[in-house]
Protein backbone atom coordinates (compact mmCIF):
# COMPACT_ATOMS: atom_id res chain seq x y z
CA UNK A 1 75.79 75.48 112.46
CA UNK A 2 78.28 75.34 109.35
CA UNK A 3 79.81 72.05 108.92
CA UNK A 4 81.87 71.88 105.61
CA UNK A 5 85.43 70.85 106.12
CA UNK A 6 88.14 72.48 104.20
CA UNK A 7 89.77 69.22 103.15
CA UNK A 8 86.48 68.00 101.55
CA UNK A 9 85.83 68.37 97.87
CA UNK A 10 83.02 70.74 98.56
CA UNK A 11 85.37 72.86 100.82
CA UNK A 12 87.65 73.21 97.99
CA UNK A 13 85.07 74.24 95.54
CA UNK A 14 83.67 76.86 97.94
CA UNK A 15 87.22 78.33 98.41
CA UNK A 16 87.65 78.37 94.53
CA UNK A 17 84.45 80.13 93.77
CA UNK A 18 84.88 82.64 96.55
CA UNK A 19 88.50 83.45 95.44
CA UNK A 20 87.35 83.85 91.78
CA UNK A 21 84.47 86.13 92.77
CA UNK A 22 86.42 88.46 94.94
CA UNK A 23 89.44 88.57 92.60
CA UNK A 24 87.21 89.93 89.81
CA UNK A 25 86.19 92.88 91.85
CA UNK A 26 89.66 93.48 93.23
CA UNK A 27 91.55 93.33 90.01
CA UNK A 28 89.18 95.72 88.20
CA UNK A 29 90.01 98.20 91.07
CA UNK A 30 93.65 98.26 90.17
CA UNK A 31 94.30 96.88 86.72
CA UNK A 32 92.29 99.49 84.84
CA UNK A 33 94.94 102.17 85.98
CA UNK A 34 97.44 100.44 83.87
CA UNK A 35 95.17 100.51 80.72
CA UNK A 36 94.20 104.23 81.09
CA UNK A 37 96.70 105.71 78.48
CA UNK A 38 95.79 103.20 75.89
CA UNK A 39 92.08 103.73 76.61
CA UNK A 40 92.58 107.46 76.24
CA UNK A 41 94.31 107.08 72.92
CA UNK A 42 92.02 104.45 71.41
CA UNK A 43 88.82 106.31 72.49
CA UNK A 44 90.15 109.85 72.02
CA UNK A 45 89.35 110.62 75.75
CA UNK A 46 90.65 113.48 77.67
CA UNK A 47 91.81 113.36 81.25
CA UNK A 48 88.30 113.92 82.72
CA UNK A 49 87.07 110.84 80.90
CA UNK A 50 90.04 108.79 82.26
CA UNK A 51 89.17 109.96 85.83
CA UNK A 52 85.57 108.97 85.30
CA UNK A 53 86.65 105.60 83.97
CA UNK A 54 88.09 105.06 87.47
CA UNK A 55 85.56 106.86 89.57
CA UNK A 56 82.36 105.63 87.98
CA UNK A 57 83.16 102.16 89.26
CA UNK A 58 84.20 103.48 92.66
CA UNK A 59 81.20 105.69 93.03
CA UNK A 60 78.61 102.87 92.95
CA UNK A 61 80.86 100.36 94.72
CA UNK A 62 81.42 102.64 97.69
CA UNK A 63 77.90 103.89 97.76
CA UNK A 64 76.24 100.46 97.65
CA UNK A 65 78.79 98.07 99.37
CA UNK A 66 76.92 98.19 102.81
CA UNK A 67 73.45 97.61 101.11
CA UNK A 68 75.02 94.73 99.21
CA UNK A 69 75.94 92.97 102.54
CA UNK A 70 72.59 93.54 103.94
CA UNK A 71 70.86 92.12 100.85
CA UNK A 72 72.98 88.97 101.21
CA UNK A 73 72.04 88.62 104.89
CA UNK A 74 68.36 88.87 104.02
CA UNK A 75 67.87 87.04 100.78
CA UNK A 76 70.75 84.60 100.94
CA UNK A 77 74.41 85.24 100.45
CA UNK A 78 74.96 82.73 97.80
CA UNK A 79 72.07 84.05 95.84
CA UNK A 80 73.32 87.72 96.01
CA UNK A 81 76.92 86.63 95.39
CA UNK A 82 75.78 84.86 92.17
CA UNK A 83 73.72 87.85 91.11
CA UNK A 84 76.69 89.98 91.73
CA UNK A 85 79.16 87.85 89.73
CA UNK A 86 76.65 87.71 86.79
CA UNK A 87 75.99 91.46 86.90
CA UNK A 88 79.70 92.13 87.08
CA UNK A 89 80.42 89.85 84.08
CA UNK A 90 77.69 91.49 81.97
CA UNK A 91 78.96 95.03 82.92
CA UNK A 92 82.45 93.80 82.06
CA UNK A 93 81.31 92.68 78.60
CA UNK A 94 79.85 96.13 78.08
CA UNK A 95 83.04 97.70 79.01
CA UNK A 96 84.94 95.54 76.70
CA UNK A 97 82.79 96.40 73.60
CA UNK A 98 82.32 100.09 74.58
CA UNK A 99 82.47 102.09 71.34
CA UNK A 100 83.26 105.43 73.15
CA UNK A 101 84.28 106.72 76.54
CA UNK A 102 80.60 107.70 77.54
CA UNK A 103 79.51 103.98 77.16
CA UNK A 104 82.60 102.84 79.02
CA UNK A 105 81.87 105.06 81.82
CA UNK A 106 78.32 103.92 82.19
CA UNK A 107 79.35 100.28 82.09
CA UNK A 108 81.96 100.96 84.78
CA UNK A 109 79.23 102.27 87.03
CA UNK A 110 77.29 99.12 86.48
CA UNK A 111 80.38 97.19 87.27
CA UNK A 112 80.46 98.87 90.64
CA UNK A 113 76.91 97.74 91.33
CA UNK A 114 77.92 94.13 90.69
CA UNK A 115 81.11 94.52 92.94
CA UNK A 116 78.99 95.90 95.69
CA UNK A 117 76.91 92.69 95.53
CA UNK A 118 79.57 90.23 95.29
CA UNK A 119 82.40 91.71 97.42
CA UNK A 120 80.82 91.44 100.90
CA UNK A 121 79.30 87.87 99.91
CA UNK A 122 82.75 86.27 99.14
CA UNK A 123 84.03 86.35 102.70
CA UNK A 124 80.59 85.95 104.26
CA UNK A 125 80.17 82.67 102.32
CA UNK A 126 83.29 81.23 103.76
CA UNK A 127 82.64 82.31 107.33
CA UNK A 128 79.02 80.83 107.03
CA UNK A 129 79.93 77.48 105.34
CA UNK A 130 83.10 76.11 107.02
CA UNK A 131 83.34 74.24 110.35
CA UNK A 132 84.52 76.29 113.14
CA UNK A 133 87.88 74.24 113.25
CA UNK A 134 88.59 75.20 109.70
CA UNK A 135 87.26 78.72 109.29
CA UNK A 136 90.50 80.45 110.30
CA UNK A 137 92.49 78.45 107.78
CA UNK A 138 89.78 78.92 105.03
CA UNK A 139 89.92 82.71 105.57
CA UNK A 140 93.60 82.77 105.55
CA UNK A 141 93.62 80.79 102.18
CA UNK A 142 91.01 82.98 100.91
CA UNK A 143 92.79 86.17 101.66
CA UNK A 144 96.19 84.74 100.63
CA UNK A 145 94.96 83.61 97.05
CA UNK A 146 93.20 86.89 96.74
CA UNK A 147 96.55 88.71 97.54
CA UNK A 148 98.32 86.69 94.95
CA UNK A 149 95.63 87.62 92.34
CA UNK A 150 96.08 91.21 93.33
CA UNK A 151 99.93 90.88 92.89
CA UNK A 152 99.76 89.27 89.51
CA UNK A 153 96.84 91.41 88.27
CA UNK A 154 98.65 94.49 87.16
CA UNK A 155 101.29 92.24 85.38
CA UNK A 156 98.33 90.39 83.55
CA UNK A 157 96.68 93.58 82.91
CA UNK A 158 99.77 95.19 81.28
CA UNK A 159 100.40 92.05 79.19
CA UNK A 160 96.83 92.17 77.88
CA UNK A 161 97.09 95.90 77.11
CA UNK A 162 100.28 95.50 75.18
CA UNK A 163 99.05 92.23 73.45
CA UNK A 164 95.44 91.57 72.64
CA UNK A 165 94.38 95.14 73.82
CA UNK A 166 92.81 97.04 76.72
CA UNK A 167 89.41 95.60 76.11
CA UNK A 168 90.59 92.22 77.36
CA UNK A 169 91.21 93.56 80.73
CA UNK A 170 87.32 93.65 81.12
CA UNK A 171 86.56 90.64 78.79
CA UNK A 172 88.63 88.40 80.85
CA UNK A 173 85.99 88.59 83.69
CA UNK A 174 83.47 86.78 81.47
CA UNK A 175 85.21 83.31 81.45
CA UNK A 176 85.95 83.61 85.15
CA UNK A 177 82.28 84.20 85.82
CA UNK A 178 81.35 81.26 83.64
CA UNK A 179 83.45 79.06 86.07
CA UNK A 180 82.43 80.80 89.12
CA UNK A 181 78.57 80.80 88.83
CA UNK A 182 78.01 77.08 88.20
CA UNK A 183 80.41 76.02 90.91
CA UNK A 184 78.63 78.32 93.41
CA UNK A 185 75.17 76.96 92.47
CA UNK A 186 76.37 73.42 92.74
CA UNK A 187 78.76 73.37 95.75
CA UNK A 188 78.13 76.51 97.99
CA UNK A 189 75.40 75.96 100.67
CA UNK A 190 72.93 78.93 100.94
CA UNK A 191 73.02 80.91 104.23
CA UNK A 192 71.63 84.11 105.62
CA UNK A 193 71.15 86.00 108.85
CA UNK A 194 68.06 84.81 110.63
CA UNK A 195 68.08 88.07 112.75
CA UNK A 196 67.98 90.38 109.80
CA UNK A 197 64.78 92.25 109.83
CA UNK A 198 63.37 95.77 109.06
CA UNK A 199 63.34 97.59 105.78
CA UNK A 200 66.35 98.19 103.59
CA UNK A 201 67.91 101.56 103.77
CA UNK A 202 67.72 102.02 99.94
CA UNK A 203 67.17 105.90 100.32
CA UNK A 204 70.37 106.14 102.46
CA UNK A 205 72.33 104.14 99.81
CA UNK A 206 71.03 106.21 96.97
CA UNK A 207 71.67 109.45 98.80
CA UNK A 208 75.28 108.37 99.66
CA UNK A 209 76.14 107.38 96.18
CA UNK A 210 74.44 110.49 94.81
CA UNK A 211 76.48 112.77 96.96
CA UNK A 212 79.68 111.01 95.95
CA UNK A 213 78.84 111.30 92.25
CA UNK A 214 77.75 114.96 92.32
CA UNK A 215 80.95 116.04 94.46
CA UNK A 216 83.04 113.97 92.19
CA UNK A 217 81.59 115.60 89.04
CA UNK A 218 82.13 119.05 90.51
CA UNK A 219 85.73 118.36 91.26
CA UNK A 220 86.52 116.72 87.91
CA UNK A 221 84.87 119.65 85.93
CA UNK A 222 85.88 122.38 88.28
CA UNK A 223 88.73 123.38 85.82
CA UNK A 224 86.05 124.22 83.18
CA UNK A 225 83.97 126.35 85.72
CA UNK A 226 80.39 127.31 84.92
CA UNK A 227 76.98 127.09 86.58
CA UNK A 228 76.74 123.40 86.17
CA UNK A 229 79.76 122.82 88.38
CA UNK A 230 78.39 125.11 91.07
CA UNK A 231 75.01 123.46 91.00
CA UNK A 232 76.60 119.96 91.13
CA UNK A 233 78.72 120.87 94.19
CA UNK A 234 75.72 122.42 95.99
CA UNK A 235 73.55 119.53 95.07
CA UNK A 236 76.25 117.03 96.23
CA UNK A 237 76.67 118.71 99.64
CA UNK A 238 72.92 118.84 99.94
CA UNK A 239 72.67 115.09 99.25
CA UNK A 240 75.24 114.45 101.83
CA UNK A 241 73.33 116.49 104.47
CA UNK A 242 70.13 114.57 103.54
CA UNK A 243 72.08 111.39 103.92
CA UNK A 244 73.05 112.34 107.43
CA UNK A 245 69.49 113.26 108.33
CA UNK A 246 67.96 110.17 106.77
CA UNK A 247 70.52 107.98 108.78
CA UNK A 248 69.67 109.72 112.11
CA UNK A 249 65.90 109.30 111.54
CA UNK A 250 65.66 105.73 110.36
CA UNK A 251 65.08 102.97 112.80
CA UNK A 252 67.50 100.66 110.87
CA UNK A 253 69.99 102.76 109.07
CA UNK A 254 72.72 101.47 106.76
CA UNK A 255 75.20 103.50 108.66
CA UNK A 256 74.06 104.17 112.33
CA UNK A 257 75.28 107.53 113.46
CA UNK A 258 75.73 106.27 117.04
CA UNK A 259 78.56 104.14 115.90
CA UNK A 260 80.63 107.24 115.61
CA UNK A 261 80.06 108.00 119.27
CA UNK A 262 83.29 105.99 119.67
CA UNK A 263 86.22 108.43 119.55
CA UNK A 264 88.59 105.72 118.46
CA UNK A 265 86.33 104.54 115.60
CA UNK A 266 85.98 108.11 114.32
CA UNK A 267 89.69 108.79 114.66
CA UNK A 268 90.56 105.57 112.77
CA UNK A 269 88.23 106.26 110.05
CA UNK A 270 89.69 109.79 109.72
CA UNK A 271 93.15 108.19 109.37
CA UNK A 272 91.59 105.79 106.76
CA UNK A 273 90.34 108.74 104.77
CA UNK A 274 93.71 110.38 104.77
CA UNK A 275 95.66 107.23 103.94
CA UNK A 276 93.44 105.91 101.13
CA UNK A 277 92.92 109.19 99.64
CA UNK A 278 96.64 109.42 99.25
CA UNK A 279 96.84 105.81 97.83
CA UNK A 280 93.91 106.22 95.44
CA UNK A 281 95.53 109.33 93.95
CA UNK A 282 98.97 107.83 93.91
CA UNK A 283 98.03 104.54 91.99
CA UNK A 284 95.95 106.50 89.52
CA UNK A 285 98.69 108.90 88.70
CA UNK A 286 101.73 106.55 89.13
CA UNK A 287 100.53 104.26 86.33
CA UNK A 288 100.22 107.35 84.04
CA UNK A 289 103.52 108.77 85.22
CA UNK A 290 105.56 105.51 84.35
CA UNK A 291 104.01 105.27 80.92
CA UNK A 292 103.58 109.04 79.84
CA UNK A 293 106.80 110.44 81.27
CA UNK A 294 109.23 107.50 81.89
CA UNK A 295 108.12 105.74 78.78
CA UNK A 296 107.23 102.36 80.27
CA UNK A 297 104.96 99.98 78.25
CA UNK A 298 101.71 98.94 80.01
CA UNK A 299 103.35 95.58 80.95
CA UNK A 300 106.40 97.26 82.40
CA UNK A 301 104.32 99.85 84.39
CA UNK A 302 102.04 97.04 85.83
CA UNK A 303 105.14 94.93 86.76
CA UNK A 304 106.96 97.99 88.23
CA UNK A 305 104.06 98.54 90.77
CA UNK A 306 104.14 94.90 92.12
CA UNK A 307 106.55 95.37 95.13
CA UNK A 308 103.83 97.20 97.23
CA UNK A 309 101.38 94.30 96.87
CA UNK A 310 103.98 91.66 97.32
CA UNK A 311 105.23 93.13 100.52
CA UNK A 312 101.68 93.34 101.87
CA UNK A 313 101.06 89.80 101.05
CA UNK A 314 104.35 88.61 102.59
CA UNK A 315 104.52 90.68 105.86
CA UNK A 316 100.94 91.90 106.81
CA UNK A 317 100.34 88.83 109.25
CA UNK A 318 103.58 89.75 111.16
CA UNK A 319 102.72 93.41 111.12
CA UNK A 320 99.42 92.44 112.89
CA UNK A 321 101.21 90.30 115.33
CA UNK A 322 103.53 93.18 116.26
CA UNK A 323 100.69 95.60 116.69
CA UNK A 324 98.96 93.15 119.05
CA UNK A 325 102.14 93.26 121.19
CA UNK A 326 102.87 97.04 121.09
CA UNK A 327 99.43 98.54 120.41
CA UNK A 328 98.21 100.30 117.18
CA UNK A 329 99.24 103.85 117.93
CA UNK A 330 102.90 103.44 116.79
CA UNK A 331 102.03 101.49 113.59
CA UNK A 332 99.26 103.80 112.60
CA UNK A 333 101.73 106.79 113.04
CA UNK A 334 104.88 105.28 111.45
CA UNK A 335 102.97 103.61 108.61
CA UNK A 336 101.51 106.79 107.06
CA UNK A 337 104.91 108.55 107.57
CA UNK A 338 106.59 105.71 105.60
CA UNK A 339 104.04 105.99 102.91
CA UNK A 340 104.53 109.75 102.60
CA UNK A 341 108.36 109.19 102.34
CA UNK A 342 107.73 106.74 99.55
CA UNK A 343 105.53 109.22 97.58
CA UNK A 344 108.00 111.97 97.98
CA UNK A 345 110.79 109.57 96.70
CA UNK A 346 108.59 109.33 93.62
CA UNK A 347 109.58 112.86 92.83
CA UNK A 348 112.89 111.33 91.41
CA UNK A 349 110.91 109.42 88.91
CA UNK A 350 110.98 111.43 85.68
CA UNK A 351 112.24 111.19 82.07
CA UNK A 352 115.08 108.61 82.03
CA UNK A 353 114.54 107.41 85.51
CA UNK A 354 116.09 104.08 86.53
CA UNK A 355 113.83 101.47 87.94
CA UNK A 356 116.39 100.16 90.46
CA UNK A 357 117.68 103.38 91.76
CA UNK A 358 114.68 105.64 91.44
CA UNK A 359 111.43 103.72 91.00
CA UNK A 360 112.00 100.57 93.22
CA UNK A 361 113.19 102.42 96.45
CA UNK A 362 110.00 104.61 96.36
CA UNK A 363 107.78 101.60 96.03
CA UNK A 364 109.58 99.48 98.63
CA UNK A 365 109.31 102.30 101.14
CA UNK A 366 105.51 102.77 100.32
CA UNK A 367 105.03 99.03 100.59
CA UNK A 368 106.58 98.82 104.06
CA UNK A 369 104.38 101.69 105.08
CA UNK A 370 101.32 99.85 103.96
CA UNK A 371 102.61 96.69 105.66
CA UNK A 372 103.02 98.60 108.83
CA UNK A 373 99.54 100.24 108.89
CA UNK A 374 96.86 98.15 107.19
CA UNK A 375 96.59 95.15 109.63
CA UNK A 376 96.66 97.37 112.70
CA UNK A 377 94.07 99.69 111.13
CA UNK A 378 91.63 96.85 110.54
CA UNK A 379 92.27 95.45 114.07
CA UNK A 380 91.65 98.94 115.66
CA UNK A 381 88.43 99.48 113.65
CA UNK A 382 87.12 96.08 114.88
CA UNK A 383 88.26 96.77 118.39
CA UNK A 384 86.82 100.20 118.74
CA UNK A 385 83.01 98.96 118.75
CA UNK A 386 81.04 96.15 120.32
CA UNK A 387 81.68 92.70 118.94
CA UNK A 388 78.15 92.59 117.45
CA UNK A 389 78.89 95.60 115.39
CA UNK A 390 82.40 94.57 114.13
CA UNK A 391 81.21 93.46 110.71
CA UNK A 392 79.26 96.86 110.29
CA UNK A 393 82.33 98.79 111.32
CA UNK A 394 84.51 96.98 108.86
CA UNK A 395 82.00 97.74 106.14
CA UNK A 396 81.92 101.42 107.00
CA UNK A 397 85.70 101.59 107.06
CA UNK A 398 86.05 99.81 103.73
CA UNK A 399 83.56 102.19 102.15
CA UNK A 400 85.25 105.16 103.62
CA UNK A 401 88.47 104.06 102.09
CA UNK A 402 86.93 103.63 98.65
CA UNK A 403 85.13 106.98 98.89
CA UNK A 404 88.37 108.79 99.82
CA UNK A 405 90.12 107.10 96.84
CA UNK A 406 87.64 108.32 94.33
CA UNK A 407 87.55 111.92 95.77
CA UNK A 408 91.32 111.97 95.49
CA UNK A 409 91.14 110.75 91.78
CA UNK A 410 88.83 113.64 91.14
CA UNK A 411 90.50 116.35 93.08
CA UNK A 412 94.30 115.77 92.60
CA UNK A 413 94.41 116.67 88.99
CA UNK A 414 92.64 119.98 89.84
CA UNK A 415 95.03 120.75 92.80
CA UNK A 416 98.02 119.80 90.69
CA UNK A 417 97.09 121.97 87.74
CA UNK A 418 96.60 119.20 85.28
CA UNK A 419 94.90 120.23 82.03
CA UNK A 420 92.57 118.04 79.93
CA UNK A 421 95.36 117.04 77.66
CA UNK A 422 98.04 116.66 80.32
CA UNK A 423 98.44 112.97 79.94
CA UNK A 424 99.47 113.59 76.25
CA UNK A 425 102.15 116.11 77.31
CA UNK A 426 105.10 114.46 79.22
CA UNK A 427 106.60 117.55 80.53
CA UNK A 428 103.42 119.10 81.77
CA UNK A 429 102.39 115.82 83.44
CA UNK A 430 105.62 115.34 85.13
CA UNK A 431 105.49 118.83 86.73
CA UNK A 432 101.77 118.18 87.92
CA UNK A 433 102.76 114.65 89.18
CA UNK A 434 105.31 116.13 91.51
CA UNK A 435 102.74 118.64 92.85
CA UNK A 436 100.28 115.74 93.39
CA UNK A 437 102.73 113.71 95.27
CA UNK A 438 103.19 116.65 97.62
CA UNK A 439 99.47 116.69 98.26
CA UNK A 440 99.38 112.94 98.83
CA UNK A 441 102.40 113.14 101.21
CA UNK A 442 100.56 115.89 103.06
CA UNK A 443 97.44 113.94 103.55
CA UNK A 444 99.35 111.03 104.95
CA UNK A 445 101.23 113.26 107.52
CA UNK A 446 97.78 114.53 108.70
CA UNK A 447 96.78 110.82 109.11
CA UNK A 448 99.77 110.19 111.16
CA UNK A 449 99.12 113.26 113.49
CA UNK A 450 95.52 112.18 114.01
CA UNK A 451 96.81 108.63 114.81
CA UNK A 452 99.40 109.75 117.36
CA UNK A 453 96.97 112.19 118.96
CA UNK A 454 93.84 110.01 119.43
CA UNK A 455 94.43 106.24 118.73
CA UNK A 456 94.90 103.97 121.84
CA UNK A 457 95.01 100.33 122.38
CA UNK A 458 91.64 98.48 122.14
CA UNK A 459 90.38 96.35 125.03
CA UNK A 460 91.89 92.88 125.23
CA UNK A 461 88.59 91.05 124.56
CA UNK A 462 87.78 92.89 121.34
CA UNK A 463 87.04 91.16 117.93
CA UNK A 464 90.46 90.28 116.06
CA UNK A 465 90.69 90.38 112.26
CA UNK A 466 90.27 87.04 110.46
CA UNK A 467 91.86 88.36 107.12
CA UNK A 468 95.52 88.68 108.32
CA UNK A 469 96.97 88.65 104.95
CA UNK A 470 95.87 91.24 102.44
CA UNK A 471 97.25 91.98 98.97
CA UNK A 472 94.82 94.77 97.90
CA UNK A 473 95.99 98.41 98.04
CA UNK A 474 92.78 100.38 97.39
CA UNK A 475 90.86 99.54 100.59
CA UNK A 476 91.50 97.72 103.92
CA UNK A 477 90.24 93.96 104.28
CA UNK A 478 86.54 93.61 104.44
CA UNK A 479 85.61 91.61 107.58
CA UNK A 480 82.39 89.62 107.92
CA UNK A 481 80.00 89.47 110.76
CA UNK A 482 80.97 88.13 114.16
CA UNK A 483 81.08 84.47 114.68
CA UNK A 484 79.43 84.62 118.06
CA UNK A 485 76.55 86.56 116.71
CA UNK A 486 76.08 84.13 113.86
CA UNK A 487 76.32 80.88 115.92
CA UNK A 488 75.09 82.13 119.27
């Protein structure tokens, strides 16, 4: 039984290293968007290369995050967490010294592998280390500090881009890792799941990541046409079908198909796909819109996007309490509609836009929408399956959100008619951005319709989220395995 107390020196060290580790992965999911225009100019990269700079990371992270959690359970959470941090730091160093866009994209894919190893482990280490009386407060502090990191990340990223240069957005991870790894090895106790058994679903993970990569490639390159695009699309769909077949036949699949027998679980994941596709596309394009069209510096663009994260950090816990009283159906319906309204308000953000009267209202409405829906979404995911599968359900939901975001980043420029040089042409980009916001708002409305049609109140004895504060905007909180399973 875990017995570390939060007030002890060891407890504080555990909290520090897990916050540092999770913050590395969270920051690189968002801060890079602010650096994209400068990366494009310095490396003479077209829009496709910028899309891959974001999506190469997301493909490997989304495809391997469930496998990363399973590896930690089997071989030791601290061990896999440390390997993930080191891997992430080395990949970040490669990103920082990349001489061209091709090397940067390959290094970003490696970063995603490291993120898939360390992200599940950060929360699992807290849950496995702290005494039961302190666990709730420890998780709250972990998620709160992580949210603060997510809030200041775009600001720091913008400052680095405008100052030392965009490469330091990646190089900053190296000193963080140099602090994180020794602390973890010295102060964090090793833990694992004694009930973990069977073979790892490596084939399923590879097929899932391959399907995402091939479909993403087809969408990004669709504007160019040609046989390669068609072959990639067909191969991606074939890999997706093979993934489903493998998961059905394996005795211990990474993503058990029977978990989708729950109508509520399936519906909430469909809502997740709609919401996080819109959010992934929005934050990719909004950072470009503010710099390319409005004329903001990287620092100003990063700072401008802070209200959404700050609102989530301050109000998510209260939103979860409200949803407990009234049920998730209303929040999961109203939240996406508020987000859609915020994105439509972004249509006012063009050349000469005022931050106070044009940008800020859109981001506040979007932030309130996120506050309304994120905590109830996580609670409903956990409540739609048995308690022993709550951690798995959260992992699937988190992976689905990341996959939706990367598909949106690949598809939106195509749907909006953005050319390869669009980010260098303010007028053309502004026109395409307006079309993209329409697509994003439409996806959110579809999510709201699904929620109001299908979502119902979970049973009263279901698993409740431990991460009640959440500052990330690219994926819902990742919950760990149930306490009763681990301690029973």
